[in-house]
Amino acid sequence: MSNELICVGSIGGSYGVNGELRIKSFCAVAEDIETYSPLTREDGTGSYTIAIVRAVKGGFVIRMPEVVTKEQADALKGVQLYARRDQLPSLPDDEYYHSDLTGLQVLDTGGATLGTVKSVQNHGAGDLLEVQLPESSATILVPFTLAVIPTVDMDTGRIIADPPDGLF
């Protein structure tokens, strides 16, 4: 589990002509992404040591010693950056890394299976669980709030949901 990789940010592309890059942090405290260096790609390749230069709308401008030209920076556009789980802080009991929720079974309060968490999304208003319905490719977005998701049991791999009427 200590070698498990967690996505902490993504490179948006070059910023200027001197090899600086734009980055979006997925960390609870956005600036903390710098402290988790060196970061890697999802497959564990590459090693990226980042230094935040300044904040910009939607993220930061960073420098990497490995990147000195605009062309090198452009080549990294879209790269997702990962940290090892043991580099990240421990979470309180009621907080979870998105990767921990993916794959968990979702049940309603009566015990009926609603589906499986396919992904966790956030479009600005809060986290949403994308739940794939049983034996179907269809998915439903469920708000990840205490009112709708009263229980997350990591030990059994189950989430108990109390969805609003008509959602499923």
C-alpha atoms as a PDB file:
ATOM      1  CA  MET A   1       0.000   0.000   0.000  1.00  0.00           C
ATOM      2  CA  SER A   2       2.923   2.389   0.622  1.00  0.00           C
ATOM      3  CA  ASN A   3       3.908   2.114  -3.049  1.00  0.00           C
ATOM      4  CA  GLU A   4       0.371   2.883  -4.266  1.00  0.00           C
ATOM      5  CA  LEU A   5       0.298   6.037  -6.387  1.00  0.00           C
ATOM      6  CA  ILE A   6      -2.191   8.851  -5.813  1.00  0.00           C
ATOM      7  CA  CYS A   7      -2.823  11.531  -8.462  1.00  0.00           C
ATOM      8  CA  VAL A   8      -1.953  14.919  -6.940  1.00  0.00           C
ATOM      9  CA  GLY A   9      -1.985  17.170 -10.008  1.00  0.00           C
ATOM     10  CA  SER A  10      -1.794  17.595 -13.755  1.00  0.00           C
ATOM     11  CA  ILE A  11       0.332  19.689 -16.082  1.00  0.00           C
ATOM     12  CA  GLY A  12      -1.650  22.150 -18.166  1.00  0.00           C
ATOM     13  CA  GLY A  13       1.169  23.015 -20.545  1.00  0.00           C
ATOM     14  CA  SER A  14       3.908  25.574 -20.945  1.00  0.00           C
ATOM     15  CA  TYR A  15       3.843  29.040 -19.411  1.00  0.00           C
ATOM     16  CA  GLY A  16       6.025  31.458 -21.300  1.00  0.00           C
ATOM     17  CA  VAL A  17       9.145  30.547 -23.272  1.00  0.00           C
ATOM     18  CA  ASN A  18      11.623  29.643 -20.525  1.00  0.00           C
ATOM     19  CA  GLY A  19      10.415  26.143 -19.623  1.00  0.00           C
ATOM     20  CA  GLU A  20       7.940  27.108 -16.931  1.00  0.00           C
ATOM     21  CA  LEU A  21       4.756  25.035 -16.705  1.00  0.00           C
ATOM     22  CA  ARG A  22       1.172  25.499 -15.564  1.00  0.00           C
ATOM     23  CA  ILE A  23      -0.011  22.920 -13.061  1.00  0.00           C
ATOM     24  CA  LYS A  24      -3.337  22.187 -11.402  1.00  0.00           C
ATOM     25  CA  SER A  25      -3.093  20.754  -7.907  1.00  0.00           C
ATOM     26  CA  PHE A  26      -5.616  18.198  -6.645  1.00  0.00           C
ATOM     27  CA  CYS A  27      -4.371  18.489  -3.050  1.00  0.00           C
ATOM     28  CA  ALA A  28      -6.643  19.736  -0.237  1.00  0.00           C
ATOM     29  CA  VAL A  29      -4.069  22.463   0.388  1.00  0.00           C
ATOM     30  CA  ALA A  30      -3.069  23.206  -3.194  1.00  0.00           C
ATOM     31  CA  GLU A  31       0.437  24.449  -2.348  1.00  0.00           C
ATOM     32  CA  ASP A  32       1.293  21.141  -0.663  1.00  0.00           C
ATOM     33  CA  ILE A  33       1.887  19.526  -4.052  1.00  0.00           C
ATOM     34  CA  GLU A  34       5.398  20.988  -3.961  1.00  0.00           C
ATOM     35  CA  THR A  35       6.226  19.113  -0.749  1.00  0.00           C
ATOM     36  CA  TYR A  36       5.378  15.728  -2.290  1.00  0.00           C
ATOM     37  CA  SER A  37       8.191  15.939  -4.882  1.00  0.00           C
ATOM     38  CA  PRO A  38       9.555  14.032  -6.606  1.00  0.00           C
ATOM     39  CA  LEU A  39       6.396  13.098  -8.505  1.00  0.00           C
ATOM     40  CA  THR A  40       5.998  10.467 -11.230  1.00  0.00           C
ATOM     41  CA  ARG A  41       3.662   9.453 -14.021  1.00  0.00           C
ATOM     42  CA  GLU A  42       0.971   6.852 -13.284  1.00  0.00           C
ATOM     43  CA  ASP A  43       3.187   4.029 -14.557  1.00  0.00           C
ATOM     44  CA  GLY A  44       5.930   5.136 -12.145  1.00  0.00           C
ATOM     45  CA  THR A  45       8.196   6.468 -14.895  1.00  0.00           C
ATOM     46  CA  GLY A  46       9.755   9.884 -14.840  1.00  0.00           C
ATOM     47  CA  SER A  47      10.778  11.801 -11.806  1.00  0.00           C
ATOM     48  CA  TYR A  48       9.638  15.381 -11.544  1.00  0.00           C
ATOM     49  CA  THR A  49      10.853  17.721  -8.840  1.00  0.00           C
ATOM     50  CA  ILE A  50       8.657  20.788  -8.871  1.00  0.00           C
ATOM     51  CA  ALA A  51       9.104  24.260  -7.428  1.00  0.00           C
ATOM     52  CA  ILE A  52       6.170  26.668  -7.335  1.00  0.00           C
ATOM     53  CA  VAL A  53       7.070  30.033  -8.860  1.00  0.00           C
ATOM     54  CA  ARG A  54       3.734  31.816  -8.420  1.00  0.00           C
ATOM     55  CA  ALA A  55      -0.011  31.292  -8.289  1.00  0.00           C
ATOM     56  CA  VAL A  56      -2.131  31.829 -11.406  1.00  0.00           C
ATOM     57  CA  LYS A  57      -5.837  31.408 -12.054  1.00  0.00           C
ATOM     58  CA  GLY A  58      -6.692  27.729 -11.635  1.00  0.00           C
ATOM     59  CA  GLY A  59      -3.275  26.618 -10.395  1.00  0.00           C
ATOM     60  CA  PHE A  60       0.390  27.485 -10.277  1.00  0.00           C
ATOM     61  CA  VAL A  61       3.353  28.249 -12.461  1.00  0.00           C
ATOM     62  CA  ILE A  62       6.146  25.813 -11.637  1.00  0.00           C
ATOM     63  CA  ARG A  63       9.705  25.060 -12.619  1.00  0.00           C
ATOM     64  CA  MET A  64      11.303  21.659 -13.020  1.00  0.00           C
ATOM     65  CA  PRO A  65      15.082  21.265 -13.300  1.00  0.00           C
ATOM     66  CA  GLU A  66      14.515  18.784 -16.146  1.00  0.00           C
ATOM     67  CA  VAL A  67      12.552  21.315 -18.239  1.00  0.00           C
ATOM     68  CA  VAL A  68      14.362  24.343 -19.650  1.00  0.00           C
ATOM     69  CA  THR A  69      12.635  25.052 -22.994  1.00  0.00           C
ATOM     70  CA  LYS A  70       9.101  25.787 -24.112  1.00  0.00           C
ATOM     71  CA  GLU A  71       9.193  22.688 -26.316  1.00  0.00           C
ATOM     72  CA  GLN A  72      10.055  20.448 -23.356  1.00  0.00           C
ATOM     73  CA  ALA A  73       7.234  22.059 -21.365  1.00  0.00           C
ATOM     74  CA  ASP A  74       4.765  21.610 -24.245  1.00  0.00           C
ATOM     75  CA  ALA A  75       5.653  17.898 -24.425  1.00  0.00           C
ATOM     76  CA  LEU A  76       4.426  17.439 -20.823  1.00  0.00           C
ATOM     77  CA  LYS A  77       0.974  18.948 -21.409  1.00  0.00           C
ATOM     78  CA  GLY A  78      -1.702  16.678 -19.947  1.00  0.00           C
ATOM     79  CA  VAL A  79       0.703  14.581 -17.868  1.00  0.00           C
ATOM     80  CA  GLN A  80      -0.859  13.571 -14.568  1.00  0.00           C
ATOM     81  CA  LEU A  81       1.506  13.678 -11.599  1.00  0.00           C
ATOM     82  CA  TYR A  82       1.445  11.041  -8.874  1.00  0.00           C
ATOM     83  CA  ALA A  83       2.895  10.775  -5.380  1.00  0.00           C
ATOM     84  CA  ARG A  84       3.393   7.576  -3.406  1.00  0.00           C
ATOM     85  CA  ARG A  85       0.789   7.128  -0.690  1.00  0.00           C
ATOM     86  CA  ASP A  86       3.508   7.126   1.993  1.00  0.00           C
ATOM     87  CA  GLN A  87       4.515  10.659   0.877  1.00  0.00           C
ATOM     88  CA  LEU A  88       1.025  11.955   1.661  1.00  0.00           C
ATOM     89  CA  PRO A  89      -0.437  12.802   5.059  1.00  0.00           C
ATOM     90  CA  SER A  90      -2.707  10.390   6.909  1.00  0.00           C
ATOM     91  CA  LEU A  91      -6.348  11.356   6.647  1.00  0.00           C
ATOM     92  CA  PRO A  92      -8.930  11.729   9.405  1.00  0.00           C
ATOM     93  CA  ASP A  93     -11.543   8.962   9.658  1.00  0.00           C
ATOM     94  CA  ASP A  94     -14.141  10.883   7.618  1.00  0.00           C
ATOM     95  CA  GLU A  95     -11.869  11.807   4.677  1.00  0.00           C
ATOM     96  CA  TYR A  96     -10.775   9.635   1.769  1.00  0.00           C
ATOM     97  CA  TYR A  97      -8.500   9.734  -1.221  1.00  0.00           C
ATOM     98  CA  HIS A  98     -10.552   9.445  -4.417  1.00  0.00           C
ATOM     99  CA  SER A  99      -8.633   6.318  -5.391  1.00  0.00           C
ATOM    100  CA  ASP A 100      -9.777   4.657  -2.128  1.00  0.00           C
ATOM    101  CA  LEU A 101     -13.442   5.066  -3.102  1.00  0.00           C
ATOM    102  CA  THR A 102     -13.139   3.764  -6.654  1.00  0.00           C
ATOM    103  CA  GLY A 103     -14.357   0.171  -6.890  1.00  0.00           C
ATOM    104  CA  LEU A 104     -16.387   0.196  -3.661  1.00  0.00           C
ATOM    105  CA  GLN A 105     -19.842  -1.381  -3.731  1.00  0.00           C
ATOM    106  CA  VAL A 106     -22.746   1.042  -3.163  1.00  0.00           C
ATOM    107  CA  LEU A 107     -25.801  -0.210  -1.249  1.00  0.00           C
ATOM    108  CA  ASP A 108     -28.974   1.599  -0.239  1.00  0.00           C
ATOM    109  CA  THR A 109     -30.020   1.794   3.409  1.00  0.00           C
ATOM    110  CA  GLY A 110     -32.088  -1.387   2.962  1.00  0.00           C
ATOM    111  CA  GLY A 111     -29.075  -3.366   1.724  1.00  0.00           C
ATOM    112  CA  ALA A 112     -30.001  -3.475  -1.983  1.00  0.00           C
ATOM    113  CA  THR A 113     -27.084  -3.089  -4.386  1.00  0.00           C
ATOM    114  CA  LEU A 114     -27.130   0.201  -6.282  1.00  0.00           C
ATOM    115  CA  GLY A 115     -23.838  -0.276  -8.132  1.00  0.00           C
ATOM    116  CA  THR A 116     -20.097   0.247  -7.924  1.00  0.00           C
ATOM    117  CA  VAL A 117     -18.104   3.493  -7.700  1.00  0.00           C
ATOM    118  CA  LYS A 118     -16.536   3.982 -11.117  1.00  0.00           C
ATOM    119  CA  SER A 119     -14.883   7.344 -10.375  1.00  0.00           C
ATOM    120  CA  VAL A 120     -15.007  10.397  -8.153  1.00  0.00           C
ATOM    121  CA  GLN A 121     -15.540  13.708  -9.906  1.00  0.00           C
ATOM    122  CA  ASN A 122     -15.538  17.310  -8.816  1.00  0.00           C
ATOM    123  CA  HIS A 123     -16.816  20.031 -11.093  1.00  0.00           C
ATOM    124  CA  GLY A 124     -16.474  22.790  -8.520  1.00  0.00           C
ATOM    125  CA  ALA A 125     -19.532  22.338  -6.306  1.00  0.00           C
ATOM    126  CA  GLY A 126     -18.354  19.271  -4.395  1.00  0.00           C
ATOM    127  CA  ASP A 127     -17.443  15.658  -4.962  1.00  0.00           C
ATOM    128  CA  LEU A 128     -19.710  13.363  -6.948  1.00  0.00           C
ATOM    129  CA  LEU A 129     -19.517   9.585  -6.990  1.00  0.00           C
ATOM    130  CA  GLU A 130     -20.010   8.150 -10.471  1.00  0.00           C
ATOM    131  CA  VAL A 131     -21.861   4.925  -9.691  1.00  0.00           C
ATOM    132  CA  GLN A 132     -22.044   2.263 -12.389  1.00  0.00           C
ATOM    133  CA  LEU A 133     -25.334   0.402 -12.242  1.00  0.00           C
ATOM    134  CA  PRO A 134     -25.226  -3.405 -11.816  1.00  0.00           C
ATOM    135  CA  GLU A 135     -24.885  -5.344 -15.077  1.00  0.00           C
ATOM    136  CA  SER A 136     -25.002  -2.117 -17.118  1.00  0.00           C
ATOM    137  CA  SER A 137     -22.654   0.455 -18.572  1.00  0.00           C
ATOM    138  CA  ALA A 138     -24.980   3.262 -17.401  1.00  0.00           C
ATOM    139  CA  THR A 139     -23.785   5.484 -14.563  1.00  0.00           C
ATOM    140  CA  ILE A 140     -25.414   7.905 -12.152  1.00  0.00           C
ATOM    141  CA  LEU A 141     -23.736  10.822 -10.368  1.00  0.00           C
ATOM    142  CA  VAL A 142     -24.410  10.770  -6.629  1.00  0.00           C
ATOM    143  CA  PRO A 143     -23.497  13.726  -4.383  1.00  0.00           C
ATOM    144  CA  PHE A 144     -20.802  12.718  -1.905  1.00  0.00           C
ATOM    145  CA  THR A 145     -22.360  14.440   1.082  1.00  0.00           C
ATOM    146  CA  LEU A 146     -23.102  13.161   4.571  1.00  0.00           C
ATOM    147  CA  ALA A 147     -26.850  13.400   3.890  1.00  0.00           C
ATOM    148  CA  VAL A 148     -26.657  11.164   0.795  1.00  0.00           C
ATOM    149  CA  ILE A 149     -23.685   8.978   1.802  1.00  0.00           C
ATOM    150  CA  PRO A 150     -24.013   8.459   5.569  1.00  0.00           C
ATOM    151  CA  THR A 151     -21.555   5.525   5.741  1.00  0.00           C
ATOM    152  CA  VAL A 152     -18.279   4.610   4.048  1.00  0.00           C
ATOM    153  CA  ASP A 153     -16.942   1.306   5.363  1.00  0.00           C
ATOM    154  CA  MET A 154     -13.445   0.812   3.992  1.00  0.00           C
ATOM    155  CA  ASP A 155     -13.036  -2.489   5.895  1.00  0.00           C
ATOM    156  CA  THR A 156     -15.908  -4.175   4.018  1.00  0.00           C
ATOM    157  CA  GLY A 157     -15.497  -2.164   0.813  1.00  0.00           C
ATOM    158  CA  ARG A 158     -19.027  -0.795   0.981  1.00  0.00           C
ATOM    159  CA  ILE A 159     -20.720   2.567   0.831  1.00  0.00           C
ATOM    160  CA  ILE A 160     -24.226   3.010   2.221  1.00  0.00           C
ATOM    161  CA  ALA A 161     -26.257   5.576   0.310  1.00  0.00           C
ATOM    162  CA  ASP A 162     -29.568   7.270   1.066  1.00  0.00           C
ATOM    163  CA  PRO A 163     -30.212   8.800  -2.359  1.00  0.00           C
ATOM    164  CA  PRO A 164     -33.024  11.253  -3.029  1.00  0.00           C
ATOM    165  CA  ASP A 165     -36.195   9.722  -4.457  1.00  0.00           C
ATOM    166  CA  GLY A 166     -35.970   9.155  -8.202  1.00  0.00           C
ATOM    167  CA  LEU A 167     -32.181   9.257  -8.461  1.00  0.00           C
ATOM    168  CA  PHE A 168     -31.875   5.492  -9.093  1.00  0.00           C
END
